[in-house]
Protein backbone atom coordinates (compact mmCIF):
# COMPACT_ATOMS: atom_id res chain seq x y z
CA MET A 1 140.94 131.18 2.37
CA ALA A 2 143.15 129.30 4.53
CA THR A 3 146.24 129.79 7.05
CA TYR A 4 149.36 129.55 5.58
CA LEU A 5 151.01 127.92 9.46
CA GLY A 6 154.51 128.39 8.89
CA TYR A 7 157.20 126.09 7.56
CA PHE A 8 159.95 123.62 7.24
CA ASN A 9 163.63 124.64 5.84
CA GLU A 10 165.66 122.88 7.25
CA PRO A 11 168.25 120.83 5.00
CA GLU A 12 168.44 118.00 8.70
CA ASP A 13 164.12 118.25 8.80
CA ILE A 14 164.35 118.62 4.48
CA LYS A 15 166.80 115.41 4.17
CA ASP A 16 164.45 113.41 6.57
CA ILE A 17 160.68 114.07 5.64
CA VAL A 18 161.18 115.05 1.45
CA ASN A 19 160.45 111.87 0.49
CA ASP A 20 157.02 111.58 3.07
CA SER A 21 153.77 111.48 1.96
CA ASP A 22 151.62 114.75 2.90
CA ARG A 23 150.10 113.10 6.32
CA GLU A 24 153.28 112.18 7.60
CA ILE A 25 154.44 115.30 6.84
CA VAL A 26 151.73 116.72 8.07
CA SER A 27 152.04 113.94 11.76
CA TYR A 28 156.37 115.67 11.59
CA MET A 29 155.19 119.10 12.31
CA MET A 30 152.00 117.95 14.66
CA ARG A 31 153.90 116.03 17.26
CA GLY A 32 157.16 118.64 17.41
CA PHE A 33 159.61 117.03 15.66
CA GLY A 34 162.01 119.68 13.68
CA ASN A 35 162.42 123.09 13.37
CA PHE A 36 159.28 124.19 12.48
CA HIS A 37 159.38 127.94 11.07
CA THR A 38 155.74 129.67 12.18
CA VAL A 39 153.83 132.24 10.21
CA ASN A 40 150.06 132.01 11.05
CA ASP A 41 149.32 134.55 8.15
CA PRO A 42 145.83 133.94 5.60
CA ALA A 43 147.26 132.63 1.94
CA SER A 44 144.69 131.11 -0.18
CA ALA A 45 144.76 127.11 -0.86
CA ARG A 46 144.10 127.96 -4.64
CA GLY A 47 146.23 124.86 -6.15
CA LEU A 48 146.98 123.48 -2.98
CA GLY A 49 143.71 120.58 -3.07
CA ARG A 50 146.34 117.85 -4.58
CA HIS A 51 148.27 118.05 -1.44
CA ARG A 52 145.41 118.01 0.94
CA VAL A 53 145.59 115.93 4.45
CA VAL A 54 142.87 115.07 7.00
CA TYR A 55 144.62 114.89 10.25
CA ARG A 56 142.42 113.68 13.26
CA ARG A 57 139.62 116.02 11.68
CA LYS A 58 141.74 119.54 10.33
CA THR A 59 142.34 119.76 6.76
CA TYR A 60 145.75 121.05 6.19
CA TYR A 61 147.75 121.11 3.25
CA VAL A 62 151.33 120.08 2.41
CA SER A 63 153.22 122.44 -1.28
CA ARG A 64 157.19 121.37 -1.61
CA LYS A 65 159.36 123.50 -3.26
CA VAL A 66 163.04 121.54 -2.95
CA ASN A 67 165.12 120.88 -4.83
CA LYS A 68 165.80 117.48 -4.52
CA LYS A 69 169.87 117.49 -6.48
CA ASP A 70 171.14 120.41 -3.76
CA LEU A 71 169.45 119.16 -0.33
CA ASP A 72 171.05 121.33 1.88
CA SER A 73 170.50 124.67 0.54
CA PRO A 74 167.88 126.94 2.85
CA ASP A 75 166.05 127.99 -0.64
CA ASN A 76 164.43 124.01 -0.20
CA PHE A 77 160.74 124.54 2.15
CA ILE A 78 157.75 122.27 2.95
CA ASP A 79 155.61 124.50 3.85
CA ILE A 80 151.91 124.09 5.90
CA TYR A 81 148.82 124.92 5.30
CA THR A 82 145.45 124.38 6.99
CA ALA A 83 142.27 125.00 5.91
């Protein structure tokens, strides 16, 4: 079981980080950059294994649901989970 920490979905944030590595996205969140929307809900980490990041000895997962042809869409999300 994982915890859904929250997401980025502001167009400015999506444009800044869409092409970054998963580790860079976790670092972006941890440094307080962008407009990260906190959720903190239990969630399944199933299917996120290939997006696993170990950052400062903690495990995170990054999930991207982004339409790269429309980075201004409010339907773009970059979600971050922790195990």
